């Protein structure tokens, strides 16, 4: 069976699906930003509530019409919460990157 260009593009877009997750942590709440590369969804959960976090991840996958096993990639700034969150995310099959804010280049001329 010969595949058309449209079929190949559809297959590539399905294979390339990624759920992106960004975290901002505080002592009382975690702000989450989800994206599939075209849509963005913002949510806030109680700090440390992994069940609530997992519900939001699962709900986002459904809202974005993604498969349960879609590749998920997350990142957050290293800080007060340490690496226990990293270990949890990895245990859930989420690729995670912990960013050291001191290692990011900043244009000092733009600072106010």
PDB file of N, CA and C in Angstrom:
ATOM      1  N   UNK A   1       0.842  -1.171   0.000  1.00  0.00           N
ATOM      2  CA  UNK A   1       0.000   0.000   0.000  1.00  0.00           C
ATOM      3  C   UNK A   1       0.891   1.239   0.000  1.00  0.00           C
ATOM      4  N   UNK A   2       0.678   2.092  -0.974  1.00  0.00           N
ATOM      5  CA  UNK A   2       1.476   3.306  -1.093  1.00  0.00           C
ATOM      6  C   UNK A   2       0.913   4.386  -0.168  1.00  0.00           C
ATOM      7  N   UNK A   3       1.809   5.003   0.607  1.00  0.00           N
ATOM      8  CA  UNK A   3       1.385   6.059   1.535  1.00  0.00           C
ATOM      9  C   UNK A   3       1.448   7.410   0.843  1.00  0.00           C
ATOM     10  N   UNK A   4       0.431   8.220   1.095  1.00  0.00           N
ATOM     11  CA  UNK A   4       0.410   9.566   0.532  1.00  0.00           C
ATOM     12  C   UNK A   4       1.209  10.502   1.422  1.00  0.00           C
ATOM     13  N   UNK A   5       1.521  11.663   0.903  1.00  0.00           N
ATOM     14  CA  UNK A   5       2.255  12.665   1.678  1.00  0.00           C
ATOM     15  C   UNK A   5       1.475  13.049   2.934  1.00  0.00           C
ATOM     16  N   UNK A   6       0.145  13.162   2.792  1.00  0.00           N
ATOM     17  CA  UNK A   6      -0.704  13.514   3.941  1.00  0.00           C
ATOM     18  C   UNK A   6      -0.630  12.447   5.028  1.00  0.00           C
ATOM     19  N   UNK A   7      -0.653  11.185   4.638  1.00  0.00           N
ATOM     20  CA  UNK A   7      -0.542  10.085   5.597  1.00  0.00           C
ATOM     21  C   UNK A   7       0.805  10.119   6.302  1.00  0.00           C
ATOM     22  N   UNK A   8       1.871  10.346   5.548  1.00  0.00           N
ATOM     23  CA  UNK A   8       3.202  10.415   6.154  1.00  0.00           C
ATOM     24  C   UNK A   8       3.304  11.581   7.131  1.00  0.00           C
ATOM     25  N   UNK A   9       2.738  12.735   6.775  1.00  0.00           N
ATOM     26  CA  UNK A   9       2.767  13.886   7.687  1.00  0.00           C
ATOM     27  C   UNK A   9       1.991  13.587   8.957  1.00  0.00           C
ATOM     28  N   UNK A  10       0.842  12.933   8.822  1.00  0.00           N
ATOM     29  CA  UNK A  10       0.041  12.566   9.984  1.00  0.00           C
ATOM     30  C   UNK A  10       0.808  11.605  10.884  1.00  0.00           C
ATOM     31  N   UNK A  11       1.454  10.600  10.296  1.00  0.00           N
ATOM     32  CA  UNK A  11       2.238   9.654  11.081  1.00  0.00           C
ATOM     33  C   UNK A  11       3.380  10.355  11.804  1.00  0.00           C
ATOM     34  N   UNK A  12       4.061  11.284  11.134  1.00  0.00           N
ATOM     35  CA  UNK A  12       5.159  12.017  11.759  1.00  0.00           C
ATOM     36  C   UNK A  12       4.661  12.895  12.891  1.00  0.00           C
ATOM     37  N   UNK A  13       3.499  13.519  12.730  1.00  0.00           N
ATOM     38  CA  UNK A  13       2.996  14.384  13.797  1.00  0.00           C
ATOM     39  C   UNK A  13       2.573  13.566  15.003  1.00  0.00           C
ATOM     40  N   UNK A  14       2.061  12.363  14.765  1.00  0.00           N
ATOM     41  CA  UNK A  14       1.688  11.489  15.881  1.00  0.00           C
ATOM     42  C   UNK A  14       2.940  11.000  16.600  1.00  0.00           C
ATOM     43  N   UNK A  15       3.956  10.589  15.856  1.00  0.00           N
ATOM     44  CA  UNK A  15       5.196  10.107  16.456  1.00  0.00           C
ATOM     45  C   UNK A  15       5.913  11.218  17.222  1.00  0.00           C
ATOM     46  N   UNK A  16       5.804  12.443  16.732  1.00  0.00           N
ATOM     47  CA  UNK A  16       6.549  13.545  17.312  1.00  0.00           C
ATOM     48  C   UNK A  16       5.830  14.220  18.480  1.00  0.00           C
ATOM     49  N   UNK A  17       4.653  13.750  18.852  1.00  0.00           N
ATOM     50  CA  UNK A  17       3.896  14.385  19.928  1.00  0.00           C
ATOM     51  C   UNK A  17       4.704  14.362  21.228  1.00  0.00           C
ATOM     52  N   UNK A  18       4.746  15.511  21.882  1.00  0.00           N
ATOM     53  CA  UNK A  18       5.455  15.650  23.158  1.00  0.00           C
ATOM     54  C   UNK A  18       4.620  16.533  24.073  1.00  0.00           C
ATOM     55  N   UNK A  19       4.499  16.151  25.318  1.00  0.00           N
ATOM     56  CA  UNK A  19       3.874  16.994  26.329  1.00  0.00           C
ATOM     57  C   UNK A  19       4.995  17.677  27.102  1.00  0.00           C
ATOM     58  N   UNK A  20       5.017  18.993  27.052  1.00  0.00           N
ATOM     59  CA  UNK A  20       6.018  19.785  27.766  1.00  0.00           C
ATOM     60  C   UNK A  20       5.410  20.281  29.072  1.00  0.00           C
ATOM     61  N   UNK A  21       6.183  20.184  30.155  1.00  0.00           N
ATOM     62  CA  UNK A  21       5.707  20.614  31.469  1.00  0.00           C
ATOM     63  C   UNK A  21       6.778  21.481  32.108  1.00  0.00           C
ATOM     64  N   UNK A  22       6.377  22.665  32.562  1.00  0.00           N
ATOM     65  CA  UNK A  22       7.294  23.555  33.285  1.00  0.00           C
ATOM     66  C   UNK A  22       6.724  23.800  34.673  1.00  0.00           C
ATOM     67  N   UNK A  23       7.596  23.851  35.657  1.00  0.00           N
ATOM     68  CA  UNK A  23       7.201  24.038  37.049  1.00  0.00           C
ATOM     69  C   UNK A  23       7.761  25.348  37.594  1.00  0.00           C
ATOM     70  N   UNK A  24       7.000  25.981  38.470  1.00  0.00           N
ATOM     71  CA  UNK A  24       7.501  27.067  39.309  1.00  0.00           C
ATOM     72  C   UNK A  24       7.077  26.713  40.734  1.00  0.00           C
ATOM     73  N   UNK A  25       8.047  26.512  41.613  1.00  0.00           N
ATOM     74  CA  UNK A  25       7.773  26.037  42.963  1.00  0.00           C
ATOM     75  C   UNK A  25       7.757  27.168  43.979  1.00  0.00           C
ATOM     76  N   UNK A  26       6.861  27.053  44.953  1.00  0.00           N
ATOM     77  CA  UNK A  26       6.904  27.892  46.148  1.00  0.00           C
ATOM     78  C   UNK A  26       6.555  26.991  47.325  1.00  0.00           C
ATOM     79  N   UNK A  27       6.575  27.519  48.509  1.00  0.00           N
ATOM     80  CA  UNK A  27       6.341  26.685  49.684  1.00  0.00           C
ATOM     81  C   UNK A  27       4.889  26.232  49.809  1.00  0.00           C
ATOM     82  N   UNK A  28       3.945  26.964  49.213  1.00  0.00           N
ATOM     83  CA  UNK A  28       2.539  26.600  49.357  1.00  0.00           C
ATOM     84  C   UNK A  28       1.890  26.091  48.074  1.00  0.00           C
ATOM     85  N   UNK A  29       2.437  26.472  46.910  1.00  0.00           N
ATOM     86  CA  UNK A  29       1.820  26.033  45.663  1.00  0.00           C
ATOM     87  C   UNK A  29       2.862  25.853  44.563  1.00  0.00           C
ATOM     88  N   UNK A  30       2.479  25.036  43.593  1.00  0.00           N
ATOM     89  CA  UNK A  30       3.295  24.834  42.411  1.00  0.00           C
ATOM     90  C   UNK A  30       2.509  25.326  41.209  1.00  0.00           C
ATOM     91  N   UNK A  31       3.110  26.186  40.430  1.00  0.00           N
ATOM     92  CA  UNK A  31       2.484  26.627  39.191  1.00  0.00           C
ATOM     93  C   UNK A  31       2.996  25.734  38.076  1.00  0.00           C
ATOM     94  N   UNK A  32       2.090  25.273  37.236  1.00  0.00           N
ATOM     95  CA  UNK A  32       2.422  24.366  36.151  1.00  0.00           C
ATOM     96  C   UNK A  32       2.039  25.001  34.822  1.00  0.00           C
ATOM     97  N   UNK A  33       2.859  24.803  33.824  1.00  0.00           N
ATOM     98  CA  UNK A  33       2.530  25.199  32.461  1.00  0.00           C
ATOM     99  C   UNK A  33       2.715  23.967  31.590  1.00  0.00           C
ATOM    100  N   UNK A  34       1.661  23.611  30.861  1.00  0.00           N
ATOM    101  CA  UNK A  34       1.686  22.462  29.962  1.00  0.00           C
ATOM    102  C   UNK A  34       1.592  22.972  28.536  1.00  0.00           C
ATOM    103  N   UNK A  35       2.263  22.296  27.622  1.00  0.00           N
ATOM    104  CA  UNK A  35       2.148  22.654  26.213  1.00  0.00           C
ATOM    105  C   UNK A  35       2.388  21.429  25.342  1.00  0.00           C
ATOM    106  N   UNK A  36       1.748  21.457  24.190  1.00  0.00           N
ATOM    107  CA  UNK A  36       2.009  20.436  23.177  1.00  0.00           C
ATOM    108  C   UNK A  36       2.766  21.045  22.007  1.00  0.00           C
ATOM    109  N   UNK A  37       3.213  22.263  22.173  1.00  0.00           N
ATOM    110  CA  UNK A  37       3.903  22.978  21.115  1.00  0.00           C
ATOM    111  C   UNK A  37       3.016  23.975  20.403  1.00  0.00           C
ATOM    112  N   UNK A  38       1.699  23.844  20.595  1.00  0.00           N
ATOM    113  CA  UNK A  38       0.790  24.806  19.984  1.00  0.00           C
ATOM    114  C   UNK A  38      -0.203  25.368  20.994  1.00  0.00           C
ATOM    115  N   UNK A  39      -0.630  24.566  21.957  1.00  0.00           N
ATOM    116  CA  UNK A  39      -1.554  25.026  22.994  1.00  0.00           C
ATOM    117  C   UNK A  39      -0.819  25.099  24.325  1.00  0.00           C
ATOM    118  N   UNK A  40      -1.297  25.978  25.211  1.00  0.00           N
ATOM    119  CA  UNK A  40      -0.720  26.099  26.557  1.00  0.00           C
ATOM    120  C   UNK A  40      -1.855  25.996  27.569  1.00  0.00           C
ATOM    121  N   UNK A  41      -1.575  25.309  28.660  1.00  0.00           N
ATOM    122  CA  UNK A  41      -2.540  25.167  29.753  1.00  0.00           C
ATOM    123  C   UNK A  41      -1.798  25.455  31.050  1.00  0.00           C
ATOM    124  N   UNK A  42      -2.351  26.364  31.861  1.00  0.00           N
ATOM    125  CA  UNK A  42      -1.754  26.720  33.143  1.00  0.00           C
ATOM    126  C   UNK A  42      -2.621  26.166  34.269  1.00  0.00           C
ATOM    127  N   UNK A  43      -1.986  25.615  35.286  1.00  0.00           N
ATOM    128  CA  UNK A  43      -2.690  25.108  36.459  1.00  0.00           C
ATOM    129  C   UNK A  43      -1.836  25.369  37.692  1.00  0.00           C
ATOM    130  N   UNK A  44      -2.479  25.395  38.832  1.00  0.00           N
ATOM    131  CA  UNK A  44      -1.791  25.522  40.122  1.00  0.00           C
ATOM    132  C   UNK A  44      -2.236  24.368  40.997  1.00  0.00           C
ATOM    133  N   UNK A  45      -1.265  23.728  41.669  1.00  0.00           N
ATOM    134  CA  UNK A  45      -1.567  22.635  42.584  1.00  0.00           C
ATOM    135  C   UNK A  45      -0.920  22.937  43.932  1.00  0.00           C
ATOM    136  N   UNK A  46      -1.395  22.261  44.952  1.00  0.00           N
ATOM    137  CA  UNK A  46      -0.825  22.398  46.286  1.00  0.00           C
ATOM    138  C   UNK A  46       0.593  21.830  46.290  1.00  0.00           C
ATOM    139  N   UNK A  47       1.519  22.553  46.880  1.00  0.00           N
ATOM    140  CA  UNK A  47       2.920  22.118  46.922  1.00  0.00           C
ATOM    141  C   UNK A  47       3.031  20.723  47.526  1.00  0.00           C
ATOM    142  N   UNK A  48       3.744  19.856  46.848  1.00  0.00           N
ATOM    143  CA  UNK A  48       4.001  18.513  47.349  1.00  0.00           C
ATOM    144  C   UNK A  48       2.890  17.514  47.117  1.00  0.00           C
ATOM    145  N   UNK A  49       1.761  17.927  46.555  1.00  0.00           N
ATOM    146  CA  UNK A  49       0.637  17.025  46.350  1.00  0.00           C
ATOM    147  C   UNK A  49       0.814  16.294  45.016  1.00  0.00           C
ATOM    148  N   UNK A  50       1.474  15.147  45.074  1.00  0.00           N
ATOM    149  CA  UNK A  50       1.801  14.395  43.858  1.00  0.00           C
ATOM    150  C   UNK A  50       0.567  13.807  43.193  1.00  0.00           C
ATOM    151  N   UNK A  51      -0.452  13.450  43.985  1.00  0.00           N
ATOM    152  CA  UNK A  51      -1.689  12.925  43.400  1.00  0.00           C
ATOM    153  C   UNK A  51      -2.377  14.008  42.569  1.00  0.00           C
ATOM    154  N   UNK A  52      -2.412  15.222  43.092  1.00  0.00           N
ATOM    155  CA  UNK A  52      -3.002  16.343  42.364  1.00  0.00           C
ATOM    156  C   UNK A  52      -2.187  16.651  41.106  1.00  0.00           C
ATOM    157  N   UNK A  53      -0.873  16.620  41.214  1.00  0.00           N
ATOM    158  CA  UNK A  53       0.005  16.832  40.073  1.00  0.00           C
ATOM    159  C   UNK A  53      -0.278  15.791  38.996  1.00  0.00           C
ATOM    160  N   UNK A  54      -0.358  14.530  39.370  1.00  0.00           N
ATOM    161  CA  UNK A  54      -0.597  13.460  38.402  1.00  0.00           C
ATOM    162  C   UNK A  54      -1.960  13.611  37.741  1.00  0.00           C
ATOM    163  N   UNK A  55      -2.978  14.026  38.505  1.00  0.00           N
ATOM    164  CA  UNK A  55      -4.305  14.256  37.913  1.00  0.00           C
ATOM    165  C   UNK A  55      -4.239  15.337  36.838  1.00  0.00           C
ATOM    166  N   UNK A  56      -3.491  16.411  37.114  1.00  0.00           N
ATOM    167  CA  UNK A  56      -3.378  17.498  36.133  1.00  0.00           C
ATOM    168  C   UNK A  56      -2.619  17.055  34.881  1.00  0.00           C
ATOM    169  N   UNK A  57      -1.602  16.235  35.059  1.00  0.00           N
ATOM    170  CA  UNK A  57      -0.870  15.701  33.905  1.00  0.00           C
ATOM    171  C   UNK A  57      -1.801  14.837  33.059  1.00  0.00           C
ATOM    172  N   UNK A  58      -2.540  13.937  33.716  1.00  0.00           N
ATOM    173  CA  UNK A  58      -3.460  13.047  33.000  1.00  0.00           C
ATOM    174  C   UNK A  58      -4.569  13.841  32.316  1.00  0.00           C
ATOM    175  N   UNK A  59      -5.120  14.839  32.997  1.00  0.00           N
ATOM    176  CA  UNK A  59      -6.177  15.667  32.424  1.00  0.00           C
ATOM    177  C   UNK A  59      -5.672  16.451  31.213  1.00  0.00           C
ATOM    178  N   UNK A  60      -4.454  16.957  31.307  1.00  0.00           N
ATOM    179  CA  UNK A  60      -3.873  17.691  30.186  1.00  0.00           C
ATOM    180  C   UNK A  60      -3.711  16.793  28.971  1.00  0.00           C
ATOM    181  N   UNK A  61      -3.256  15.568  29.187  1.00  0.00           N
ATOM    182  CA  UNK A  61      -3.122  14.629  28.070  1.00  0.00           C
ATOM    183  C   UNK A  61      -4.472  14.424  27.386  1.00  0.00           C
ATOM    184  N   UNK A  62      -5.543  14.304  28.178  1.00  0.00           N
ATOM    185  CA  UNK A  62      -6.869  14.126  27.585  1.00  0.00           C
ATOM    186  C   UNK A  62      -7.321  15.388  26.857  1.00  0.00           C
ATOM    187  N   UNK A  63      -7.127  16.557  27.472  1.00  0.00           N
ATOM    188  CA  UNK A  63      -7.540  17.817  26.849  1.00  0.00           C
ATOM    189  C   UNK A  63      -6.786  18.075  25.548  1.00  0.00           C
ATOM    190  N   UNK A  64      -5.513  17.699  25.512  1.00  0.00           N
ATOM    191  CA  UNK A  64      -4.706  17.882  24.309  1.00  0.00           C
ATOM    192  C   UNK A  64      -4.856  16.713  23.331  1.00  0.00           C
ATOM    193  N   UNK A  65      -5.725  15.749  23.683  1.00  0.00           N
ATOM    194  CA  UNK A  65      -5.972  14.568  22.839  1.00  0.00           C
ATOM    195  C   UNK A  65      -4.690  13.795  22.552  1.00  0.00           C
ATOM    196  N   UNK A  66      -3.934  13.546  23.620  1.00  0.00           N
ATOM    197  CA  UNK A  66      -2.678  12.805  23.522  1.00  0.00           C
ATOM    198  C   UNK A  66      -2.868  11.414  24.098  1.00  0.00           C
ATOM    199  N   UNK A  67      -2.083  10.475  23.604  1.00  0.00           N
ATOM    200  CA  UNK A  67      -2.093   9.129  24.170  1.00  0.00           C
ATOM    201  C   UNK A  67      -1.527   9.159  25.577  1.00  0.00           C
ATOM    202  N   UNK A  68      -1.928   8.177  26.381  1.00  0.00           N
ATOM    203  CA  UNK A  68      -1.406   8.086  27.747  1.00  0.00           C
ATOM    204  C   UNK A  68       0.103   7.942  27.775  1.00  0.00           C
ATOM    205  N   UNK A  69       0.650   7.257  26.773  1.00  0.00           N
ATOM    206  CA  UNK A  69       2.089   6.985  26.753  1.00  0.00           C
ATOM    207  C   UNK A  69       2.877   8.016  25.942  1.00  0.00           C
ATOM    208  N   UNK A  70       2.294   9.195  25.724  1.00  0.00           N
ATOM    209  CA  UNK A  70       2.992  10.246  24.989  1.00  0.00           C
ATOM    210  C   UNK A  70       4.285  10.614  25.719  1.00  0.00           C
ATOM    211  N   UNK A  71       5.293  10.968  24.965  1.00  0.00           N
ATOM    212  CA  UNK A  71       6.561  11.409  25.561  1.00  0.00           C
ATOM    213  C   UNK A  71       6.307  12.699  26.330  1.00  0.00           C
ATOM    214  N   UNK A  72       6.723  12.737  27.583  1.00  0.00           N
ATOM    215  CA  UNK A  72       6.564  13.928  28.420  1.00  0.00           C
ATOM    216  C   UNK A  72       7.940  14.408  28.851  1.00  0.00           C
ATOM    217  N   UNK A  73       8.148  15.720  28.745  1.00  0.00           N
ATOM    218  CA  UNK A  73       9.420  16.341  29.085  1.00  0.00           C
ATOM    219  C   UNK A  73       9.123  17.499  30.026  1.00  0.00           C
ATOM    220  N   UNK A  74       9.844  17.568  31.138  1.00  0.00           N
ATOM    221  CA  UNK A  74       9.602  18.647  32.093  1.00  0.00           C
ATOM    222  C   UNK A  74      10.909  19.309  32.507  1.00  0.00           C
ATOM    223  N   UNK A  75      10.761  20.490  33.093  1.00  0.00           N
ATOM    224  CA  UNK A  75      11.934  21.182  33.623  1.00  0.00           C
ATOM    225  C   UNK A  75      11.509  22.078  34.783  1.00  0.00           C
ATOM    226  N   UNK A  76      12.469  22.325  35.641  1.00  0.00           N
ATOM    227  CA  UNK A  76      12.261  23.288  36.716  1.00  0.00           C
ATOM    228  C   UNK A  76      13.611  23.787  37.191  1.00  0.00           C
ATOM    229  N   UNK A  77      13.562  24.922  37.877  1.00  0.00           N
ATOM    230  CA  UNK A  77      14.778  25.539  38.403  1.00  0.00           C
ATOM    231  C   UNK A  77      15.166  24.862  39.713  1.00  0.00           C
ATOM    232  N   UNK A  78      16.428  24.493  39.817  1.00  0.00           N
ATOM    233  CA  UNK A  78      16.924  23.887  41.053  1.00  0.00           C
ATOM    234  C   UNK A  78      16.699  24.861  42.205  1.00  0.00           C
ATOM    235  N   UNK A  79      16.350  24.322  43.339  1.00  0.00           N
ATOM    236  CA  UNK A  79      16.109  25.208  44.473  1.00  0.00           C
ATOM    237  C   UNK A  79      15.649  24.470  45.702  1.00  0.00           C
ATOM    238  N   UNK A  80      14.711  25.080  46.384  1.00  0.00           N
ATOM    239  CA  UNK A  80      14.272  24.649  47.698  1.00  0.00           C
ATOM    240  C   UNK A  80      13.756  23.215  47.770  1.00  0.00           C
ATOM    241  N   UNK A  81      13.170  22.705  46.705  1.00  0.00           N
ATOM    242  CA  UNK A  81      12.561  21.388  46.771  1.00  0.00           C
ATOM    243  C   UNK A  81      13.509  20.239  46.456  1.00  0.00           C
ATOM    244  N   UNK A  82      14.709  20.542  46.065  1.00  0.00           N
ATOM    245  CA  UNK A  82      15.698  19.493  45.857  1.00  0.00           C
ATOM    246  C   UNK A  82      15.365  18.551  44.728  1.00  0.00           C
ATOM    247  N   UNK A  83      15.809  17.310  44.861  1.00  0.00           N
ATOM    248  CA  UNK A  83      15.710  16.362  43.755  1.00  0.00           C
ATOM    249  C   UNK A  83      14.660  15.279  43.956  1.00  0.00           C
ATOM    250  N   UNK A  84      13.916  15.340  45.052  1.00  0.00           N
ATOM    251  CA  UNK A  84      12.893  14.308  45.235  1.00  0.00           C
ATOM    252  C   UNK A  84      11.826  14.412  44.152  1.00  0.00           C
ATOM    253  N   UNK A  85      11.518  15.606  43.679  1.00  0.00           N
ATOM    254  CA  UNK A  85      10.536  15.784  42.609  1.00  0.00           C
ATOM    255  C   UNK A  85      11.087  15.197  41.307  1.00  0.00           C
ATOM    256  N   UNK A  86      12.366  15.431  41.061  1.00  0.00           N
ATOM    257  CA  UNK A  86      13.010  14.850  39.879  1.00  0.00           C
ATOM    258  C   UNK A  86      12.870  13.329  39.899  1.00  0.00           C
ATOM    259  N   UNK A  87      13.145  12.718  41.028  1.00  0.00           N
ATOM    260  CA  UNK A  87      13.053  11.259  41.133  1.00  0.00           C
ATOM    261  C   UNK A  87      11.616  10.782  40.891  1.00  0.00           C
ATOM    262  N   UNK A  88      10.637  11.525  41.404  1.00  0.00           N
ATOM    263  CA  UNK A  88       9.237  11.158  41.176  1.00  0.00           C
ATOM    264  C   UNK A  88       8.897  11.241  39.688  1.00  0.00           C
ATOM    265  N   UNK A  89       9.241  12.349  39.044  1.00  0.00           N
ATOM    266  CA  UNK A  89       8.915  12.529  37.630  1.00  0.00           C
ATOM    267  C   UNK A  89       9.530  11.428  36.775  1.00  0.00           C
ATOM    268  N   UNK A  90      10.790  11.125  37.023  1.00  0.00           N
ATOM    269  CA  UNK A  90      11.469  10.068  36.269  1.00  0.00           C
ATOM    270  C   UNK A  90      10.790   8.721  36.508  1.00  0.00           C
ATOM    271  N   UNK A  91      10.357   8.461  37.746  1.00  0.00           N
ATOM    272  CA  UNK A  91       9.674   7.201  38.044  1.00  0.00           C
ATOM    273  C   UNK A  91       8.345   7.090  37.299  1.00  0.00           C
ATOM    274  N   UNK A  92       7.775   8.226  36.892  1.00  0.00           N
ATOM    275  CA  UNK A  92       6.524   8.246  36.138  1.00  0.00           C
ATOM    276  C   UNK A  92       6.755   8.246  34.625  1.00  0.00           C
ATOM    277  N   UNK A  93       8.010   8.102  34.213  1.00  0.00           N
ATOM    278  CA  UNK A  93       8.333   8.052  32.798  1.00  0.00           C
ATOM    279  C   UNK A  93       8.471   9.418  32.147  1.00  0.00           C
ATOM    280  N   UNK A  94       8.607  10.455  32.958  1.00  0.00           N
ATOM    281  CA  UNK A  94       8.740  11.817  32.449  1.00  0.00           C
ATOM    282  C   UNK A  94      10.222  12.173  32.410  1.00  0.00           C
ATOM    283  N   UNK A  95      10.677  12.618  31.239  1.00  0.00           N
ATOM    284  CA  UNK A  95      12.056  13.083  31.127  1.00  0.00           C
ATOM    285  C   UNK A  95      12.131  14.441  31.811  1.00  0.00           C
ATOM    286  N   UNK A  96      13.041  14.607  32.742  1.00  0.00           N
ATOM    287  CA  UNK A  96      13.093  15.849  33.511  1.00  0.00           C
ATOM    288  C   UNK A  96      14.484  16.475  33.456  1.00  0.00           C
ATOM    289  N   UNK A  97      14.483  17.794  33.422  1.00  0.00           N
ATOM    290  CA  UNK A  97      15.719  18.567  33.429  1.00  0.00           C
ATOM    291  C   UNK A  97      15.650  19.552  34.585  1.00  0.00           C
ATOM    292  N   UNK A  98      16.644  19.509  35.455  1.00  0.00           N
ATOM    293  CA  UNK A  98      16.742  20.465  36.558  1.00  0.00           C
ATOM    294  C   UNK A  98      17.750  21.516  36.137  1.00  0.00           C
ATOM    295  N   UNK A  99      17.329  22.771  36.115  1.00  0.00           N
ATOM    296  CA  UNK A  99      18.146  23.863  35.610  1.00  0.00           C
ATOM    297  C   UNK A  99      18.733  24.653  36.772  1.00  0.00           C
ATOM    298  N   UNK A 100      20.024  24.893  36.727  1.00  0.00           N
ATOM    299  CA  UNK A 100      20.694  25.748  37.699  1.00  0.00           C
ATOM    300  C   UNK A 100      20.620  27.170  37.166  1.00  0.00           C
ATOM    301  N   UNK A 101      19.870  28.030  37.839  1.00  0.00           N
ATOM    302  CA  UNK A 101      19.650  29.390  37.333  1.00  0.00           C
ATOM    303  C   UNK A 101      20.952  30.179  37.194  1.00  0.00           C
ATOM    304  N   UNK A 102      21.947  29.862  37.997  1.00  0.00           N
ATOM    305  CA  UNK A 102      23.224  30.572  37.913  1.00  0.00           C
ATOM    306  C   UNK A 102      23.970  30.243  36.612  1.00  0.00           C
ATOM    307  N   UNK A 103      23.584  29.162  35.969  1.00  0.00           N
ATOM    308  CA  UNK A 103      24.283  28.781  34.742  1.00  0.00           C
ATOM    309  C   UNK A 103      23.647  29.379  33.485  1.00  0.00           C
ATOM    310  N   UNK A 104      22.538  30.113  33.640  1.00  0.00           N
ATOM    311  CA  UNK A 104      21.870  30.722  32.492  1.00  0.00           C
ATOM    312  C   UNK A 104      22.465  32.091  32.208  1.00  0.00           C
ATOM    313  N   UNK A 105      22.788  32.328  30.943  1.00  0.00           N
ATOM    314  CA  UNK A 105      23.333  33.612  30.553  1.00  0.00           C
ATOM    315  C   UNK A 105      22.220  34.653  30.544  1.00  0.00           C
ATOM    316  N   UNK A 106      22.489  35.807  31.153  1.00  0.00           N
ATOM    317  CA  UNK A 106      21.517  36.890  31.240  1.00  0.00           C
ATOM    318  C   UNK A 106      22.143  38.146  30.667  1.00  0.00           C
ATOM    319  N   UNK A 107      21.398  38.839  29.814  1.00  0.00           N
ATOM    320  CA  UNK A 107      21.855  40.102  29.282  1.00  0.00           C
ATOM    321  C   UNK A 107      21.667  41.170  30.364  1.00  0.00           C
ATOM    322  N   UNK A 108      22.719  41.585  31.014  1.00  0.00           N
ATOM    323  CA  UNK A 108      22.648  42.532  32.140  1.00  0.00           C
ATOM    324  C   UNK A 108      22.204  43.929  31.720  1.00  0.00           C
ATOM    325  N   UNK A 109      22.330  44.259  30.464  1.00  0.00           N
ATOM    326  CA  UNK A 109      21.918  45.580  29.996  1.00  0.00           C
ATOM    327  C   UNK A 109      20.418  45.762  30.060  1.00  0.00           C
ATOM    328  N   UNK A 110      19.659  44.665  29.995  1.00  0.00           N
ATOM    329  CA  UNK A 110      18.206  44.736  30.002  1.00  0.00           C
ATOM    330  C   UNK A 110      17.625  44.742  31.398  1.00  0.00           C
ATOM    331  N   UNK A 111      18.451  44.543  32.398  1.00  0.00           N
ATOM    332  CA  UNK A 111      17.957  44.534  33.783  1.00  0.00           C
ATOM    333  C   UNK A 111      17.547  45.934  34.196  1.00  0.00           C
ATOM    334  N   UNK A 112      16.497  46.009  34.986  1.00  0.00           N
ATOM    335  CA  UNK A 112      16.023  47.315  35.484  1.00  0.00           C
ATOM    336  C   UNK A 112      16.582  47.597  36.857  1.00  0.00           C
TER     337      UNK A 112
END
